[in-house]
Amino acid sequence: MVIPEFRIGVGHLALSAPAIAQAHRAGLRIAAYTVDDPARARELLGQGLDLLVTDEPGLLLA
């Protein structure tokens, strides 16, 4: 039996550590869009964000 992975996408400004934790407790993975600021990306990933979408991959990889 294959169980599908459930993921929700949210604008990054609407996310916080408690919101990410609540989604994880519900069995959801969180994807944030559109995170173009490296500091915000690090903050969200540190809070447990599962995936992020960016228009500036070069800035985030630097």
PDB file of N, CA and C in Angstrom:
ATOM      1  N   MET A   1       0.853  -1.185   0.000  1.00  0.00           N
ATOM      2  CA  MET A   1       0.000   0.000   0.000  1.00  0.00           C
ATOM      3  C   MET A   1       0.888   1.234   0.000  1.00  0.00           C
ATOM      4  N   VAL A   2       0.601   2.167  -0.886  1.00  0.00           N
ATOM      5  CA  VAL A   2       1.349   3.411  -0.966  1.00  0.00           C
ATOM      6  C   VAL A   2       0.517   4.513  -0.333  1.00  0.00           C
ATOM      7  N   ILE A   3       1.139   5.214   0.613  1.00  0.00           N
ATOM      8  CA  ILE A   3       0.460   6.333   1.266  1.00  0.00           C
ATOM      9  C   ILE A   3       0.984   7.618   0.637  1.00  0.00           C
ATOM     10  N   PRO A   4       0.099   8.452   0.091  1.00  0.00           N
ATOM     11  CA  PRO A   4       0.566   9.682  -0.558  1.00  0.00           C
ATOM     12  C   PRO A   4       1.154  10.655   0.458  1.00  0.00           C
ATOM     13  N   GLU A   5       2.080  11.450  -0.019  1.00  0.00           N
ATOM     14  CA  GLU A   5       2.663  12.501   0.815  1.00  0.00           C
ATOM     15  C   GLU A   5       1.807  13.747   0.661  1.00  0.00           C
ATOM     16  N   PHE A   6       1.409  14.320   1.768  1.00  0.00           N
ATOM     17  CA  PHE A   6       0.587  15.514   1.735  1.00  0.00           C
ATOM     18  C   PHE A   6       1.456  16.727   2.050  1.00  0.00           C
ATOM     19  N   ARG A   7       1.339  17.731   1.234  1.00  0.00           N
ATOM     20  CA  ARG A   7       2.134  18.953   1.397  1.00  0.00           C
ATOM     21  C   ARG A   7       1.234  20.149   1.144  1.00  0.00           C
ATOM     22  N   ILE A   8       1.450  21.212   1.913  1.00  0.00           N
ATOM     23  CA  ILE A   8       0.729  22.446   1.652  1.00  0.00           C
ATOM     24  C   ILE A   8       1.739  23.543   1.355  1.00  0.00           C
ATOM     25  N   GLY A   9       1.368  24.448   0.484  1.00  0.00           N
ATOM     26  CA  GLY A   9       2.204  25.589   0.131  1.00  0.00           C
ATOM     27  C   GLY A   9       1.618  26.854   0.730  1.00  0.00           C
ATOM     28  N   VAL A  10       2.495  27.649   1.316  1.00  0.00           N
ATOM     29  CA  VAL A  10       2.063  28.863   2.011  1.00  0.00           C
ATOM     30  C   VAL A  10       3.043  29.978   1.681  1.00  0.00           C
ATOM     31  N   GLY A  11       2.522  31.187   1.493  1.00  0.00           N
ATOM     32  CA  GLY A  11       3.398  32.344   1.354  1.00  0.00           C
ATOM     33  C   GLY A  11       4.247  32.481   2.607  1.00  0.00           C
ATOM     34  N   HIS A  12       5.539  32.705   2.441  1.00  0.00           N
ATOM     35  CA  HIS A  12       6.455  32.658   3.584  1.00  0.00           C
ATOM     36  C   HIS A  12       6.120  33.663   4.675  1.00  0.00           C
ATOM     37  N   LEU A  13       5.508  34.776   4.337  1.00  0.00           N
ATOM     38  CA  LEU A  13       5.182  35.779   5.357  1.00  0.00           C
ATOM     39  C   LEU A  13       4.116  35.290   6.327  1.00  0.00           C
ATOM     40  N   ALA A  14       3.362  34.277   5.947  1.00  0.00           N
ATOM     41  CA  ALA A  14       2.311  33.733   6.811  1.00  0.00           C
ATOM     42  C   ALA A  14       2.822  32.635   7.731  1.00  0.00           C
ATOM     43  N   LEU A  15       4.105  32.283   7.612  1.00  0.00           N
ATOM     44  CA  LEU A  15       4.630  31.160   8.376  1.00  0.00           C
ATOM     45  C   LEU A  15       5.363  31.588   9.641  1.00  0.00           C
ATOM     46  N   SER A  16       5.274  30.725  10.640  1.00  0.00           N
ATOM     47  CA  SER A  16       5.995  30.902  11.903  1.00  0.00           C
ATOM     48  C   SER A  16       6.350  29.513  12.414  1.00  0.00           C
ATOM     49  N   ALA A  17       7.228  29.463  13.394  1.00  0.00           N
ATOM     50  CA  ALA A  17       7.609  28.170  13.967  1.00  0.00           C
ATOM     51  C   ALA A  17       6.399  27.407  14.497  1.00  0.00           C
ATOM     52  N   PRO A  18       5.466  28.055  15.234  1.00  0.00           N
ATOM     53  CA  PRO A  18       4.289  27.308  15.708  1.00  0.00           C
ATOM     54  C   PRO A  18       3.414  26.784  14.562  1.00  0.00           C
ATOM     55  N   ALA A  19       3.281  27.549  13.491  1.00  0.00           N
ATOM     56  CA  ALA A  19       2.459  27.101  12.353  1.00  0.00           C
ATOM     57  C   ALA A  19       3.090  25.889  11.685  1.00  0.00           C
ATOM     58  N   ILE A  20       4.410  25.909  11.532  1.00  0.00           N
ATOM     59  CA  ILE A  20       5.113  24.778  10.927  1.00  0.00           C
ATOM     60  C   ILE A  20       4.969  23.545  11.808  1.00  0.00           C
ATOM     61  N   ALA A  21       5.149  23.725  13.111  1.00  0.00           N
ATOM     62  CA  ALA A  21       5.029  22.601  14.045  1.00  0.00           C
ATOM     63  C   ALA A  21       3.614  22.022  14.034  1.00  0.00           C
ATOM     64  N   GLN A  22       2.609  22.883  13.980  1.00  0.00           N
ATOM     65  CA  GLN A  22       1.221  22.422  13.955  1.00  0.00           C
ATOM     66  C   GLN A  22       0.946  21.598  12.698  1.00  0.00           C
ATOM     67  N   ALA A  23       1.441  22.062  11.566  1.00  0.00           N
ATOM     68  CA  ALA A  23       1.259  21.316  10.313  1.00  0.00           C
ATOM     69  C   ALA A  23       1.944  19.958  10.394  1.00  0.00           C
ATOM     70  N   HIS A  24       3.142  19.920  10.958  1.00  0.00           N
ATOM     71  CA  HIS A  24       3.862  18.653  11.089  1.00  0.00           C
ATOM     72  C   HIS A  24       3.098  17.689  11.995  1.00  0.00           C
ATOM     73  N   ARG A  25       2.525  18.192  13.084  1.00  0.00           N
ATOM     74  CA  ARG A  25       1.740  17.331  13.968  1.00  0.00           C
ATOM     75  C   ARG A  25       0.533  16.744  13.245  1.00  0.00           C
ATOM     76  N   ALA A  26       0.024  17.479  12.254  1.00  0.00           N
ATOM     77  CA  ALA A  26      -1.119  17.013  11.473  1.00  0.00           C
ATOM     78  C   ALA A  26      -0.678  16.089  10.325  1.00  0.00           C
ATOM     79  N   GLY A  27       0.629  15.832  10.233  1.00  0.00           N
ATOM     80  CA  GLY A  27       1.125  14.943   9.187  1.00  0.00           C
ATOM     81  C   GLY A  27       1.366  15.621   7.854  1.00  0.00           C
ATOM     82  N   LEU A  28       1.420  16.942   7.862  1.00  0.00           N
ATOM     83  CA  LEU A  28       1.639  17.692   6.624  1.00  0.00           C
ATOM     84  C   LEU A  28       3.072  18.177   6.535  1.00  0.00           C
ATOM     85  N   ARG A  29       3.552  18.281   5.318  1.00  0.00           N
ATOM     86  CA  ARG A  29       4.839  18.910   5.063  1.00  0.00           C
ATOM     87  C   ARG A  29       4.548  20.304   4.520  1.00  0.00           C
ATOM     88  N   ILE A  30       5.430  21.252   4.824  1.00  0.00           N
ATOM     89  CA  ILE A  30       5.202  22.648   4.470  1.00  0.00           C
ATOM     90  C   ILE A  30       6.194  23.110   3.411  1.00  0.00           C
ATOM     91  N   ALA A  31       5.657  23.736   2.356  1.00  0.00           N
ATOM     92  CA  ALA A  31       6.463  24.388   1.327  1.00  0.00           C
ATOM     93  C   ALA A  31       6.165  25.881   1.386  1.00  0.00           C
ATOM     94  N   ALA A  32       7.200  26.705   1.424  1.00  0.00           N
ATOM     95  CA  ALA A  32       7.020  28.166   1.479  1.00  0.00           C
ATOM     96  C   ALA A  32       7.394  28.777   0.136  1.00  0.00           C
ATOM     97  N   TYR A  33       6.635  29.776  -0.277  1.00  0.00           N
ATOM     98  CA  TYR A  33       6.948  30.521  -1.492  1.00  0.00           C
ATOM     99  C   TYR A  33       6.867  31.997  -1.181  1.00  0.00           C
ATOM    100  N   THR A  34       7.347  32.836  -1.854  1.00  0.00           N
ATOM    101  CA  THR A  34       8.570  32.858  -2.634  1.00  0.00           C
ATOM    102  C   THR A  34       9.619  33.509  -1.728  1.00  0.00           C
ATOM    103  N   VAL A  35      10.567  32.716  -1.274  1.00  0.00           N
ATOM    104  CA  VAL A  35      11.557  33.165  -0.300  1.00  0.00           C
ATOM    105  C   VAL A  35      12.820  33.578  -1.051  1.00  0.00           C
ATOM    106  N   ASP A  36      13.028  34.890  -1.172  1.00  0.00           N
ATOM    107  CA  ASP A  36      14.191  35.401  -1.894  1.00  0.00           C
ATOM    108  C   ASP A  36      15.256  35.998  -0.974  1.00  0.00           C
ATOM    109  N   ASP A  37      14.976  36.059   0.312  1.00  0.00           N
ATOM    110  CA  ASP A  37      15.905  36.630   1.276  1.00  0.00           C
ATOM    111  C   ASP A  37      16.657  35.506   2.001  1.00  0.00           C
ATOM    112  N   PRO A  38      17.989  35.484   1.907  1.00  0.00           N
ATOM    113  CA  PRO A  38      18.749  34.401   2.536  1.00  0.00           C
ATOM    114  C   PRO A  38      18.513  34.269   4.044  1.00  0.00           C
ATOM    115  N   ALA A  39      18.404  35.388   4.744  1.00  0.00           N
ATOM    116  CA  ALA A  39      18.173  35.325   6.196  1.00  0.00           C
ATOM    117  C   ALA A  39      16.819  34.690   6.498  1.00  0.00           C
ATOM    118  N   ARG A  40      15.801  35.049   5.737  1.00  0.00           N
ATOM    119  CA  ARG A  40      14.471  34.466   5.949  1.00  0.00           C
ATOM    120  C   ARG A  40      14.478  32.975   5.610  1.00  0.00           C
ATOM    121  N   ALA A  41      15.196  32.601   4.565  1.00  0.00           N
ATOM    122  CA  ALA A  41      15.302  31.186   4.204  1.00  0.00           C
ATOM    123  C   ALA A  41      15.939  30.397   5.342  1.00  0.00           C
ATOM    124  N   ARG A  42      17.043  30.900   5.901  1.00  0.00           N
ATOM    125  CA  ARG A  42      17.699  30.218   7.021  1.00  0.00           C
ATOM    126  C   ARG A  42      16.777  30.126   8.225  1.00  0.00           C
ATOM    127  N   GLU A  43      16.044  31.213   8.488  1.00  0.00           N
ATOM    128  CA  GLU A  43      15.107  31.231   9.619  1.00  0.00           C
ATOM    129  C   GLU A  43      14.044  30.140   9.466  1.00  0.00           C
ATOM    130  N   LEU A  44      13.413  30.089   8.309  1.00  0.00           N
ATOM    131  CA  LEU A  44      12.349  29.112   8.085  1.00  0.00           C
ATOM    132  C   LEU A  44      12.870  27.684   8.106  1.00  0.00           C
ATOM    133  N   LEU A  45      14.013  27.448   7.482  1.00  0.00           N
ATOM    134  CA  LEU A  45      14.584  26.106   7.484  1.00  0.00           C
ATOM    135  C   LEU A  45      14.949  25.686   8.907  1.00  0.00           C
ATOM    136  N   GLY A  46      15.424  26.632   9.705  1.00  0.00           N
ATOM    137  CA  GLY A  46      15.733  26.358  11.104  1.00  0.00           C
ATOM    138  C   GLY A  46      14.502  26.044  11.930  1.00  0.00           C
ATOM    139  N   GLN A  47      13.348  26.526  11.483  1.00  0.00           N
ATOM    140  CA  GLN A  47      12.084  26.272  12.174  1.00  0.00           C
ATOM    141  C   GLN A  47      11.431  24.974  11.715  1.00  0.00           C
ATOM    142  N   GLY A  48      12.066  24.280  10.771  1.00  0.00           N
ATOM    143  CA  GLY A  48      11.547  22.990  10.336  1.00  0.00           C
ATOM    144  C   GLY A  48      10.865  22.985   8.987  1.00  0.00           C
ATOM    145  N   LEU A  49      10.947  24.089   8.245  1.00  0.00           N
ATOM    146  CA  LEU A  49      10.356  24.135   6.908  1.00  0.00           C
ATOM    147  C   LEU A  49      10.887  22.986   6.067  1.00  0.00           C
ATOM    148  N   ASP A  50      10.010  22.361   5.295  1.00  0.00           N
ATOM    149  CA  ASP A  50      10.384  21.196   4.500  1.00  0.00           C
ATOM    150  C   ASP A  50      10.899  21.542   3.107  1.00  0.00           C
ATOM    151  N   LEU A  51      10.389  22.620   2.518  1.00  0.00           N
ATOM    152  CA  LEU A  51      10.748  22.960   1.143  1.00  0.00           C
ATOM    153  C   LEU A  51      10.508  24.445   0.943  1.00  0.00           C
ATOM    154  N   LEU A  52      11.359  25.084   0.150  1.00  0.00           N
ATOM    155  CA  LEU A  52      11.085  26.484  -0.176  1.00  0.00           C
ATOM    156  C   LEU A  52      11.236  26.712  -1.666  1.00  0.00           C
ATOM    157  N   VAL A  53      10.521  27.713  -2.143  1.00  0.00           N
ATOM    158  CA  VAL A  53      10.539  28.116  -3.545  1.00  0.00           C
ATOM    159  C   VAL A  53      11.155  29.510  -3.579  1.00  0.00           C
ATOM    160  N   THR A  54      12.068  29.741  -4.514  1.00  0.00           N
ATOM    161  CA  THR A  54      12.722  31.035  -4.615  1.00  0.00           C
ATOM    162  C   THR A  54      12.899  31.454  -6.067  1.00  0.00           C
ATOM    163  N   ASP A  55      12.968  32.751  -6.282  1.00  0.00           N
ATOM    164  CA  ASP A  55      13.317  33.299  -7.594  1.00  0.00           C
ATOM    165  C   ASP A  55      14.811  33.594  -7.661  1.00  0.00           C
ATOM    166  N   GLU A  56      15.514  33.447  -6.541  1.00  0.00           N
ATOM    167  CA  GLU A  56      16.922  33.820  -6.435  1.00  0.00           C
ATOM    168  C   GLU A  56      17.788  32.686  -5.897  1.00  0.00           C
ATOM    169  N   PRO A  57      17.866  31.550  -6.584  1.00  0.00           N
ATOM    170  CA  PRO A  57      18.650  30.442  -6.058  1.00  0.00           C
ATOM    171  C   PRO A  57      20.122  30.787  -5.846  1.00  0.00           C
ATOM    172  N   GLY A  58      20.690  31.635  -6.669  1.00  0.00           N
ATOM    173  CA  GLY A  58      22.089  32.022  -6.514  1.00  0.00           C
ATOM    174  C   GLY A  58      22.352  32.703  -5.191  1.00  0.00           C
ATOM    175  N   LEU A  59      21.423  33.556  -4.752  1.00  0.00           N
ATOM    176  CA  LEU A  59      21.586  34.245  -3.471  1.00  0.00           C
ATOM    177  C   LEU A  59      21.502  33.262  -2.310  1.00  0.00           C
ATOM    178  N   LEU A  60      20.622  32.300  -2.414  1.00  0.00           N
ATOM    179  CA  LEU A  60      20.439  31.358  -1.318  1.00  0.00           C
ATOM    180  C   LEU A  60      21.566  30.347  -1.242  1.00  0.00           C
ATOM    181  N   LEU A  61      22.235  30.084  -2.354  1.00  0.00           N
ATOM    182  CA  LEU A  61      23.325  29.114  -2.357  1.00  0.00           C
ATOM    183  C   LEU A  61      24.667  29.754  -1.998  1.00  0.00           C
ATOM    184  N   ALA A  62      24.719  31.081  -2.008  1.00  0.00           N
ATOM    185  CA  ALA A  62      25.984  31.787  -1.722  1.00  0.00           C
ATOM    186  C   ALA A  62      26.376  31.665  -0.265  1.00  0.00           C
TER     187      ALA A  62
END
